[in-house]
Amino acid sequence: MGGAPAQAQPTPSPSSSGHPTRTPSGKPGDRTPTGGTHSATGGDHKGDRPGTQRGRKHKPAPTRGPVLAPLADAKDGAPTDRGLQQSLTTPLQDKSLGTLTFAVADAATGRLLLGSGETTPGTPASTTKLATAVAALALLPADFRMTTRVVQGATPGEITLVGGGDPLLTALPQDQVRVGGATVDQETAPASLADLARQTAASLKAAGTTSVKLGFDTSLYSGDLLHKEHDGTNIAAVTPLMIDEGRVDPRSAEEAPARVADPAAQAAEAFAALLRAEGITVQGRAAAGRAGAGAQQLGAVLSPTVPRLVERMLTTSDNTLAEAVARQVAVAAGKPASFEGAAGAVTTVLKGLGVPLTGVVINDGSGLSKANLIPPVTLVKLLAAASAPDHPELRPVVTGLPIAGFTGTLVNRFGAKSGAGEAAGIVRAKTGTLSGVNTLAGTVVDADGRVLAFALMTRTSAGPDVARAAVDRIVARIAACGCH
């Protein structure tokens, strides 16, 4: 293994024999994503968000079996390297793939079945989010939520809005919130700024205060505010206080919506308006400041739990949410909540899980960085860890992956005329797109009902739609293969 990148000469694993000793299984309470991204939530750079141009609706996704099928439902023995190589010979020779590196592994054991250049670091694009997701779920408690608070200032007439890192905090009524065109439920509904204003106003009135000066605190984060690839649309300025991910129009259906220059100030001004609607006079404009240690809390609202955040981040390929989740990993690890601190914390957590990190370079949580490097074998090991029974806390990585042809960034892929349509509904995978780079990493149920993990990484001059279709055809062949 570890051969040079190639198109048609995969490197077989040293052994094609042996059987897995444990089986992946779903965790009670895990959910299948029921909708893709709201087109304005973020997504992969340069057009890898779920397409809306063809007007496809999210619909229930058929499955060949459970997301993680018990081994008892599959034939004994994983696919062999020879069987896989024979099945993939033709699709691997597609010239639109350019330089392709890949790995296919048994999800039950993590054992590599076939690869080409599988240890060669490549540009992961948004498949970097798999690393962010695994690290967050491994380190943060399953009931962890990001908290936005209002606390008393130095005098009764001063209050401070304190950002806790929640980019999904919304100024919209819950019945107007949409993710991929779908409404949210109790588990996935974002925290409400209006609820926070009502709590705060009630606390102030109970204390006899009806007029205040408002400050806002963004001290949770440090370092650069803007991602090096910031373009004002694919990602917001990264601050611990914002509403609706810093969108100019929170109801925008644009794939890459316009973002405000100062999300924290936008959130503070929106909060001030909501306080006024509750009968509290807010003097002047909100000003940046810092809450006092131990200040009395006047109100607080909570984000969804980290498993639900991870599922949304992966299904929608939400860059702004990914950077927020990565910073929570940094905070929990005692590192600075910055791009550098978050990347370092994620890497440390993955090392502790035994994920192979040779050649891995992570600079952000979203994958927008062109300097990120991850080999295919590391991506499949992340997926295998998330599928393993000894890491049930990682299962939202699997349930959050887009479903081929039905949800998220795969809603317009694996179509009937793509040459990969037979894999629709049975492939779950994270997409990644940068200029000249197309990646896909996920799980697939093969013809014998066995769950395999795969990662394919291309660098090509072919158009992104052509390259992605070629990648999808490889995955479809894996899905159709028993390959013994």
Protein backbone atom coordinates (compact mmCIF):
# COMPACT_ATOMS: atom_id res chain seq x y z
CA MET A 1 0.00 0.00 0.00
CA GLY A 2 1.05 3.60 -0.26
CA GLY A 3 1.75 3.44 -3.99
CA ALA A 4 1.98 6.50 -6.23
CA PRO A 5 -1.26 8.05 -7.45
CA ALA A 6 -2.61 6.35 -10.54
CA GLN A 7 -5.81 5.98 -12.50
CA ALA A 8 -6.01 2.32 -13.39
CA GLN A 9 -3.45 0.45 -11.30
CA PRO A 10 -4.80 0.27 -7.76
CA THR A 11 -2.59 -1.01 -5.00
CA PRO A 12 -4.11 -4.17 -3.46
CA SER A 13 -4.07 -4.77 0.25
CA PRO A 14 -1.52 -7.31 1.50
CA SER A 15 -4.24 -9.82 2.26
CA SER A 16 -7.71 -10.35 0.90
CA SER A 17 -8.63 -12.98 3.48
CA GLY A 18 -9.94 -12.65 7.00
CA HIS A 19 -13.25 -11.67 8.51
CA PRO A 20 -14.27 -8.72 10.66
CA THR A 21 -14.65 -9.43 14.34
CA ARG A 22 -17.14 -6.70 15.08
CA THR A 23 -20.00 -5.03 13.32
CA PRO A 24 -21.10 -1.42 13.08
CA SER A 25 -24.56 -0.74 14.37
CA GLY A 26 -26.83 2.26 14.65
CA LYS A 27 -27.19 3.99 17.98
CA PRO A 28 -30.75 4.30 19.27
CA GLY A 29 -32.04 7.77 18.67
CA ASP A 30 -29.81 8.52 15.71
CA ARG A 31 -31.73 10.10 12.90
CA THR A 32 -31.42 10.13 9.16
CA PRO A 33 -31.16 13.63 7.69
CA THR A 34 -34.50 14.63 6.28
CA GLY A 35 -33.36 17.65 4.36
CA GLY A 36 -30.34 19.10 2.71
CA THR A 37 -28.82 22.47 3.21
CA HIS A 38 -30.65 25.72 3.15
CA SER A 39 -28.92 27.09 0.11
CA ALA A 40 -27.62 29.98 2.13
CA THR A 41 -25.92 28.11 4.93
CA GLY A 42 -22.49 27.74 3.43
CA GLY A 43 -21.16 24.63 1.75
CA ASP A 44 -18.14 23.75 -0.26
CA HIS A 45 -16.21 26.50 -1.97
CA LYS A 46 -17.09 27.31 -5.57
CA GLY A 47 -20.32 25.49 -6.11
CA ASP A 48 -20.44 22.21 -4.20
CA ARG A 49 -23.48 23.16 -2.14
CA PRO A 50 -26.68 21.25 -2.84
CA GLY A 51 -27.98 22.46 -6.16
CA THR A 52 -31.34 24.10 -6.44
CA GLN A 53 -31.24 25.00 -10.11
CA ARG A 54 -33.04 21.84 -11.19
CA GLY A 55 -35.79 22.30 -8.64
CA ARG A 56 -35.41 18.85 -7.11
CA LYS A 57 -37.23 18.31 -3.84
CA HIS A 58 -35.81 16.36 -0.95
CA LYS A 59 -37.68 13.08 -0.72
CA PRO A 60 -37.46 9.99 1.46
CA ALA A 61 -34.31 8.10 0.58
CA PRO A 62 -34.61 4.40 -0.18
CA THR A 63 -32.01 2.18 1.42
CA ARG A 64 -30.75 -1.27 0.62
CA GLY A 65 -30.80 -1.95 4.34
CA PRO A 66 -29.85 -0.23 7.57
CA VAL A 67 -27.33 2.59 7.38
CA LEU A 68 -24.91 0.26 9.15
CA ALA A 69 -26.05 -3.26 8.35
CA PRO A 70 -25.36 -5.97 10.93
CA LEU A 71 -22.83 -8.47 9.70
CA ALA A 72 -25.36 -11.26 10.14
CA ASP A 73 -27.25 -9.77 7.18
CA ALA A 74 -24.21 -9.95 4.91
CA LYS A 75 -22.29 -12.84 3.42
CA ASP A 76 -19.17 -13.93 5.23
CA GLY A 77 -16.02 -12.23 4.02
CA ALA A 78 -15.31 -8.73 2.78
CA PRO A 79 -14.69 -8.01 -0.91
CA THR A 80 -11.27 -9.09 -2.10
CA ASP A 81 -8.66 -6.77 -3.53
CA ARG A 82 -8.71 -8.71 -6.81
CA GLY A 83 -12.50 -8.57 -7.05
CA LEU A 84 -12.60 -4.84 -6.39
CA GLN A 85 -9.79 -4.16 -8.83
CA GLN A 86 -11.52 -6.08 -11.61
CA SER A 87 -14.81 -4.29 -10.98
CA LEU A 88 -13.23 -0.83 -10.92
CA THR A 89 -10.82 -1.14 -13.84
CA THR A 90 -13.03 0.63 -16.38
CA PRO A 91 -14.30 3.57 -14.27
CA LEU A 92 -10.80 4.18 -12.89
CA GLN A 93 -9.52 4.79 -16.43
CA ASP A 94 -11.80 7.78 -17.03
CA LYS A 95 -9.45 10.57 -18.15
CA SER A 96 -11.63 13.26 -16.58
CA LEU A 97 -10.44 12.04 -13.19
CA GLY A 98 -6.98 13.50 -13.80
CA THR A 99 -4.80 12.36 -10.93
CA LEU A 100 -6.80 10.11 -8.64
CA THR A 101 -5.88 8.74 -5.23
CA PHE A 102 -8.30 6.54 -3.33
CA ALA A 103 -8.90 4.02 -0.58
CA VAL A 104 -11.64 1.46 0.04
CA ALA A 105 -11.92 -0.19 3.45
CA ASP A 106 -14.20 -2.51 5.39
CA ALA A 107 -16.20 -0.19 7.61
CA ALA A 108 -16.59 -2.92 10.23
CA THR A 109 -12.87 -3.29 10.85
CA GLY A 110 -11.21 -0.34 9.11
CA ARG A 111 -9.09 -2.83 7.14
CA LEU A 112 -7.92 -1.43 3.80
CA LEU A 113 -9.24 -3.49 0.91
CA LEU A 114 -7.91 -1.55 -2.08
CA GLY A 115 -6.10 1.70 -2.70
CA SER A 116 -3.98 3.75 -5.04
CA GLY A 117 -1.85 6.49 -3.56
CA GLU A 118 -3.89 5.95 -0.41
CA THR A 119 -1.18 7.38 1.83
CA THR A 120 -0.46 10.34 -0.44
CA PRO A 121 -1.75 13.60 1.11
CA GLY A 122 -4.20 15.45 -1.11
CA THR A 123 -6.37 18.53 -0.91
CA PRO A 124 -9.46 17.39 1.00
CA ALA A 125 -11.63 20.49 0.49
CA SER A 126 -14.82 20.06 2.52
CA THR A 127 -14.08 16.45 3.48
CA THR A 128 -11.97 18.22 6.12
CA LYS A 129 -15.30 18.53 7.93
CA LEU A 130 -15.10 14.80 8.69
CA ALA A 131 -12.05 15.50 10.85
CA THR A 132 -13.83 18.40 12.54
CA ALA A 133 -16.91 16.27 13.18
CA VAL A 134 -15.06 13.29 14.63
CA ALA A 135 -12.98 15.50 16.92
CA ALA A 136 -16.02 17.39 18.19
CA LEU A 137 -18.05 14.27 18.90
CA ALA A 138 -15.09 12.56 20.57
CA LEU A 139 -14.24 15.46 22.88
CA LEU A 140 -17.51 17.26 23.61
CA PRO A 141 -20.31 15.68 25.67
CA ALA A 142 -23.30 14.54 23.64
CA ASP A 143 -25.50 17.06 25.45
CA PHE A 144 -23.13 19.98 24.82
CA ARG A 145 -24.82 23.14 23.52
CA MET A 146 -23.44 26.57 22.72
CA THR A 147 -24.92 29.24 24.98
CA THR A 148 -25.66 32.86 24.15
CA ARG A 149 -26.14 34.90 27.35
CA VAL A 150 -27.05 38.34 28.59
CA VAL A 151 -25.47 39.43 31.86
CA GLN A 152 -25.69 42.42 34.14
CA GLY A 153 -23.12 45.17 33.57
CA ALA A 154 -21.21 47.22 36.13
CA THR A 155 -24.37 49.20 36.95
CA PRO A 156 -28.08 48.25 36.87
CA GLY A 157 -28.43 50.29 33.69
CA GLU A 158 -25.81 48.31 31.75
CA ILE A 159 -26.15 44.86 30.20
CA THR A 160 -23.88 42.77 27.96
CA LEU A 161 -24.80 40.31 25.23
CA VAL A 162 -22.18 37.53 25.40
CA GLY A 163 -21.42 35.43 22.32
CA GLY A 164 -20.95 31.73 23.02
CA GLY A 165 -20.00 30.71 19.50
CA ASP A 166 -23.45 29.83 18.13
CA PRO A 167 -23.66 30.94 14.46
CA LEU A 168 -27.18 29.53 14.08
CA LEU A 169 -28.75 31.90 16.63
CA THR A 170 -31.67 33.33 14.69
CA ALA A 171 -33.69 36.51 14.63
CA LEU A 172 -36.41 34.72 12.65
CA PRO A 173 -39.52 33.14 14.16
CA GLN A 174 -39.05 29.37 14.32
CA ASP A 175 -41.79 28.72 11.78
CA GLN A 176 -39.79 30.74 9.24
CA VAL A 177 -36.51 28.88 9.72
CA ARG A 178 -35.67 26.53 6.86
CA VAL A 179 -32.82 24.09 6.25
CA GLY A 180 -32.82 22.84 2.68
CA GLY A 181 -36.37 24.02 2.32
CA ALA A 182 -37.48 21.90 5.28
CA THR A 183 -38.80 23.14 8.57
CA VAL A 184 -36.91 22.42 11.79
CA ASP A 185 -38.09 20.34 14.72
CA GLN A 186 -37.54 20.61 18.45
CA GLU A 187 -34.10 18.97 18.26
CA THR A 188 -32.80 20.97 15.32
CA ALA A 189 -34.40 24.37 15.90
CA PRO A 190 -31.80 27.11 16.40
CA ALA A 191 -31.71 29.30 19.49
CA SER A 192 -34.01 32.31 19.27
CA LEU A 193 -32.79 35.88 19.77
CA ALA A 194 -36.37 36.89 20.46
CA ASP A 195 -36.57 34.37 23.31
CA LEU A 196 -33.38 35.85 24.75
CA ALA A 197 -34.85 39.34 24.54
CA ARG A 198 -38.02 38.23 26.33
CA GLN A 199 -36.02 36.60 29.14
CA THR A 200 -33.79 39.65 29.50
CA ALA A 201 -36.68 42.11 29.52
CA ALA A 202 -38.49 40.08 32.17
CA SER A 203 -35.37 40.04 34.38
CA LEU A 204 -34.84 43.77 33.95
CA LYS A 205 -38.45 44.65 34.70
CA ALA A 206 -38.40 42.41 37.77
CA ALA A 207 -35.48 44.50 39.03
CA GLY A 208 -37.24 47.74 38.20
CA THR A 209 -35.03 48.57 35.23
CA THR A 210 -36.60 49.77 31.99
CA SER A 211 -33.71 51.66 30.36
CA VAL A 212 -30.26 50.22 29.59
CA LYS A 213 -27.03 50.66 27.71
CA LEU A 214 -26.18 47.54 25.70
CA GLY A 215 -22.71 46.11 25.18
CA PHE A 216 -21.64 42.94 23.38
CA ASP A 217 -18.78 40.56 24.19
CA THR A 218 -16.90 38.53 21.54
CA SER A 219 -13.91 37.64 23.71
CA LEU A 220 -14.45 33.88 23.43
CA TYR A 221 -12.55 33.85 20.12
CA SER A 222 -9.09 35.14 19.35
CA GLY A 223 -6.94 35.55 16.25
CA ASP A 224 -8.05 36.47 12.76
CA LEU A 225 -11.69 37.33 12.18
CA LEU A 226 -11.62 36.40 8.49
CA HIS A 227 -10.70 33.09 6.90
CA LYS A 228 -7.83 33.40 4.41
CA GLU A 229 -10.30 32.36 1.69
CA HIS A 230 -13.02 34.71 2.92
CA ASP A 231 -15.09 36.02 0.01
CA GLY A 232 -18.08 37.48 1.81
CA THR A 233 -20.42 34.71 0.65
CA ASN A 234 -19.17 31.14 1.25
CA ILE A 235 -18.33 31.90 4.87
CA ALA A 236 -19.08 34.64 7.36
CA ALA A 237 -16.55 36.49 9.46
CA VAL A 238 -15.77 34.06 12.28
CA THR A 239 -17.00 35.59 15.52
CA PRO A 240 -18.69 34.00 18.56
CA LEU A 241 -21.68 36.34 18.26
CA MET A 242 -23.82 36.40 15.14
CA ILE A 243 -27.34 35.77 13.96
CA ASP A 244 -28.38 33.66 10.99
CA GLU A 245 -24.73 33.01 10.15
CA GLY A 246 -24.13 36.64 9.34
CA ARG A 247 -26.37 36.68 6.29
CA VAL A 248 -27.53 40.06 5.06
CA ASP A 249 -30.93 38.51 4.36
CA PRO A 250 -31.70 35.65 6.78
CA ARG A 251 -34.32 34.31 4.37
CA SER A 252 -31.97 34.32 1.38
CA ALA A 253 -32.22 31.32 -0.94
CA GLU A 254 -28.91 32.14 -2.64
CA GLU A 255 -26.31 29.37 -2.75
CA ALA A 256 -23.66 31.82 -1.57
CA PRO A 257 -25.52 34.60 0.25
CA ALA A 258 -24.11 38.03 0.96
CA ARG A 259 -22.70 38.31 4.49
CA VAL A 260 -22.49 41.38 6.69
CA ALA A 261 -19.07 42.83 7.45
CA ASP A 262 -19.62 42.86 11.22
CA PRO A 263 -21.85 39.96 12.33
CA ALA A 264 -21.47 40.75 16.05
CA ALA A 265 -22.69 44.33 15.63
CA GLN A 266 -25.57 43.08 13.47
CA ALA A 267 -26.60 40.66 16.23
CA ALA A 268 -26.36 43.33 18.92
CA GLU A 269 -28.47 45.82 16.97
CA ALA A 270 -31.09 43.15 16.27
CA PHE A 271 -31.15 42.30 19.97
CA ALA A 272 -31.57 45.97 20.87
CA ALA A 273 -34.58 46.20 18.54
CA LEU A 274 -36.14 43.14 20.16
CA LEU A 275 -35.59 44.59 23.63
CA ARG A 276 -37.34 47.79 22.57
CA ALA A 277 -40.27 45.67 21.35
CA GLU A 278 -40.42 44.22 24.88
CA GLY A 279 -40.71 47.68 26.41
CA ILE A 280 -37.05 48.24 27.33
CA THR A 281 -35.41 51.50 26.27
CA VAL A 282 -31.94 50.91 24.78
CA GLN A 283 -29.79 54.02 24.88
CA GLY A 284 -27.73 54.73 21.76
CA ARG A 285 -25.96 52.04 19.78
CA ALA A 286 -24.58 48.82 21.20
CA ALA A 287 -20.84 48.96 21.95
CA ALA A 288 -18.20 46.24 22.03
CA GLY A 289 -17.02 45.40 25.52
CA ARG A 290 -16.31 42.59 27.89
CA ALA A 291 -18.61 41.06 30.48
CA GLY A 292 -17.44 41.11 34.06
CA ALA A 293 -16.37 37.85 35.70
CA GLY A 294 -19.26 36.30 37.60
CA ALA A 295 -21.78 38.82 36.28
CA GLN A 296 -25.42 38.03 37.05
CA GLN A 297 -27.15 36.25 34.17
CA LEU A 298 -30.34 37.85 32.90
CA GLY A 299 -31.14 35.37 30.14
CA ALA A 300 -29.69 32.54 28.06
CA VAL A 301 -30.57 30.49 24.98
CA LEU A 302 -29.02 27.24 23.79
CA SER A 303 -28.05 25.86 20.40
CA PRO A 304 -28.99 22.33 19.35
CA THR A 305 -26.75 19.61 20.81
CA VAL A 306 -23.41 18.87 19.21
CA PRO A 307 -24.65 15.68 17.45
CA ARG A 308 -27.37 17.69 15.71
CA LEU A 309 -24.90 20.46 14.85
CA VAL A 310 -22.51 17.93 13.32
CA GLU A 311 -25.28 16.33 11.27
CA ARG A 312 -26.33 19.71 9.89
CA MET A 313 -22.71 20.72 9.24
CA LEU A 314 -22.06 17.58 7.19
CA THR A 315 -25.37 17.40 5.32
CA THR A 316 -25.25 21.06 4.35
CA SER A 317 -21.45 21.41 4.16
CA ASP A 318 -21.82 24.54 6.25
CA ASN A 319 -18.49 26.36 6.41
CA THR A 320 -19.49 28.91 9.05
CA LEU A 321 -20.88 26.21 11.34
CA ALA A 322 -17.78 24.06 10.79
CA GLU A 323 -15.48 26.82 12.00
CA ALA A 324 -17.72 27.34 15.05
CA VAL A 325 -17.66 23.62 15.90
CA ALA A 326 -13.88 23.49 15.49
CA ARG A 327 -13.49 26.39 17.91
CA GLN A 328 -15.56 24.57 20.50
CA VAL A 329 -13.07 21.71 20.21
CA ALA A 330 -10.30 24.24 20.89
CA VAL A 331 -12.10 25.66 23.92
CA ALA A 332 -12.70 22.19 25.36
CA ALA A 333 -9.05 21.29 24.77
CA GLY A 334 -7.81 24.46 26.48
CA LYS A 335 -6.45 25.91 23.24
CA PRO A 336 -7.01 29.40 21.80
CA ALA A 337 -10.31 29.61 19.93
CA SER A 338 -8.65 30.69 16.69
CA PHE A 339 -8.07 29.09 13.30
CA GLU A 340 -4.68 27.84 14.49
CA GLY A 341 -5.90 26.75 17.91
CA ALA A 342 -8.88 24.90 16.50
CA ALA A 343 -6.81 23.09 13.87
CA GLY A 344 -4.28 22.06 16.51
CA ALA A 345 -6.99 20.83 18.88
CA VAL A 346 -8.71 18.78 16.16
CA THR A 347 -5.40 17.18 15.21
CA THR A 348 -4.61 16.31 18.84
CA VAL A 349 -8.00 14.66 19.37
CA LEU A 350 -7.63 12.59 16.20
CA LYS A 351 -4.19 11.45 17.27
CA GLY A 352 -5.67 10.28 20.56
CA LEU A 353 -8.22 8.19 18.65
CA GLY A 354 -5.44 6.45 16.74
CA VAL A 355 -6.32 8.01 13.39
CA PRO A 356 -3.25 7.90 11.06
CA LEU A 357 -1.99 11.46 10.67
CA THR A 358 1.15 11.03 8.57
CA GLY A 359 1.13 13.85 6.02
CA VAL A 360 -2.00 15.46 7.48
CA VAL A 361 -2.05 19.27 7.54
CA ILE A 362 -5.17 20.99 8.87
CA ASN A 363 -5.52 24.78 8.84
CA ASP A 364 -9.24 25.22 9.44
CA GLY A 365 -12.43 23.41 10.34
CA SER A 366 -14.30 23.88 7.07
CA GLY A 367 -11.89 22.77 4.37
CA LEU A 368 -11.84 26.09 2.54
CA SER A 369 -8.08 26.24 3.05
CA LYS A 370 -6.19 25.22 -0.07
CA ALA A 371 -3.22 24.30 2.13
CA ASN A 372 -5.03 21.46 3.93
CA LEU A 373 -3.66 17.98 3.21
CA ILE A 374 -5.24 14.64 4.12
CA PRO A 375 -4.51 11.22 2.55
CA PRO A 376 -7.43 8.99 1.45
CA VAL A 377 -6.50 6.38 4.06
CA THR A 378 -7.03 8.92 6.85
CA LEU A 379 -10.50 9.78 5.55
CA VAL A 380 -11.56 6.12 5.48
CA LYS A 381 -10.15 5.59 8.96
CA LEU A 382 -12.27 8.51 10.20
CA LEU A 383 -15.34 6.93 8.62
CA ALA A 384 -14.50 3.50 10.01
CA ALA A 385 -14.11 4.97 13.49
CA ALA A 386 -17.52 6.63 13.16
CA SER A 387 -19.02 3.30 12.09
CA ALA A 388 -17.40 1.21 14.81
CA PRO A 389 -19.46 -0.16 17.73
CA ASP A 390 -16.84 0.94 20.24
CA HIS A 391 -17.40 4.61 19.30
CA PRO A 392 -21.18 5.12 19.39
CA GLU A 393 -20.61 8.78 20.22
CA LEU A 394 -19.28 9.24 16.67
CA ARG A 395 -22.38 7.86 14.93
CA PRO A 396 -23.75 11.29 13.91
CA VAL A 397 -20.89 11.46 11.41
CA VAL A 398 -22.58 8.62 9.51
CA THR A 399 -26.16 9.85 9.96
CA GLY A 400 -25.12 13.34 8.90
CA LEU A 401 -23.58 12.31 5.58
CA PRO A 402 -25.62 13.42 2.54
CA ILE A 403 -27.58 10.63 0.85
CA ALA A 404 -26.83 10.10 -2.85
CA GLY A 405 -29.52 11.62 -5.02
CA PHE A 406 -31.67 12.73 -2.10
CA THR A 407 -30.18 15.11 0.46
CA GLY A 408 -27.64 17.83 1.02
CA THR A 409 -24.73 18.25 -1.33
CA LEU A 410 -25.58 14.96 -3.10
CA VAL A 411 -29.16 15.91 -3.96
CA ASN A 412 -28.29 16.54 -7.62
CA ARG A 413 -25.81 13.68 -8.02
CA PHE A 414 -26.26 9.97 -8.79
CA GLY A 415 -29.15 10.80 -11.09
CA ALA A 416 -30.81 8.41 -13.55
CA LYS A 417 -28.67 9.61 -16.49
CA SER A 418 -25.37 9.88 -14.60
CA GLY A 419 -24.22 6.30 -15.01
CA ALA A 420 -24.33 6.03 -11.22
CA GLY A 421 -28.06 6.10 -10.61
CA GLU A 422 -28.19 2.58 -9.24
CA ALA A 423 -26.29 3.81 -6.18
CA ALA A 424 -28.82 6.52 -5.31
CA GLY A 425 -30.07 6.10 -1.78
CA ILE A 426 -27.40 3.59 -0.72
CA VAL A 427 -24.38 5.88 -0.73
CA ARG A 428 -23.78 8.39 2.07
CA ALA A 429 -20.83 10.67 1.50
CA LYS A 430 -19.21 14.00 2.25
CA THR A 431 -18.38 16.05 -0.80
CA GLY A 432 -15.49 18.43 -1.33
CA THR A 433 -14.85 20.90 -4.13
CA LEU A 434 -12.20 23.54 -4.73
CA SER A 435 -10.89 24.77 -8.05
CA GLY A 436 -9.52 21.68 -9.83
CA VAL A 437 -10.20 19.48 -6.79
CA ASN A 438 -13.07 17.05 -6.27
CA THR A 439 -13.28 14.69 -3.31
CA LEU A 440 -15.88 12.26 -2.05
CA ALA A 441 -15.62 10.22 1.14
CA GLY A 442 -18.33 8.13 2.72
CA THR A 443 -19.96 4.76 3.15
CA VAL A 444 -21.74 2.44 0.75
CA VAL A 445 -23.64 -0.82 1.12
CA ASP A 446 -22.28 -3.32 -1.41
CA ALA A 447 -24.21 -6.04 -3.23
CA ASP A 448 -23.74 -8.43 -0.30
CA GLY A 449 -25.10 -5.94 2.23
CA ARG A 450 -21.69 -5.12 3.67
CA VAL A 451 -20.81 -1.54 4.60
CA LEU A 452 -17.63 -0.23 3.00
CA ALA A 453 -15.89 3.08 3.60
CA PHE A 454 -14.28 4.90 0.69
CA ALA A 455 -12.43 8.09 -0.13
CA LEU A 456 -11.67 9.35 -3.63
CA MET A 457 -9.59 12.47 -4.27
CA THR A 458 -9.02 13.95 -7.72
CA ARG A 459 -7.01 16.81 -9.12
CA THR A 460 -8.10 17.53 -12.65
CA SER A 461 -8.57 20.18 -15.31
CA ALA A 462 -11.93 18.67 -16.25
CA GLY A 463 -15.05 20.61 -15.38
CA PRO A 464 -16.36 19.95 -11.87
CA ASP A 465 -19.62 18.34 -13.04
CA VAL A 466 -17.73 15.97 -15.35
CA ALA A 467 -15.17 15.07 -12.69
CA ARG A 468 -17.80 14.51 -10.02
CA ALA A 469 -19.81 12.26 -12.34
CA ALA A 470 -16.70 10.15 -12.96
CA VAL A 471 -16.12 9.84 -9.21
CA ASP A 472 -19.77 8.85 -8.69
CA ARG A 473 -19.48 6.07 -11.25
CA ILE A 474 -16.60 4.54 -9.30
CA VAL A 475 -18.68 4.55 -6.13
CA ALA A 476 -21.63 3.04 -8.01
CA ARG A 477 -19.40 0.15 -9.11
CA ILE A 478 -18.37 -0.42 -5.51
CA ALA A 479 -22.03 -0.49 -4.52
CA ALA A 480 -22.84 -3.04 -7.25
CA CYS A 481 -19.92 -5.26 -6.34
CA GLY A 482 -19.79 -8.34 -4.10
CA CYS A 483 -16.27 -8.68 -5.48
CA HIS A 484 -15.18 -11.93 -3.87
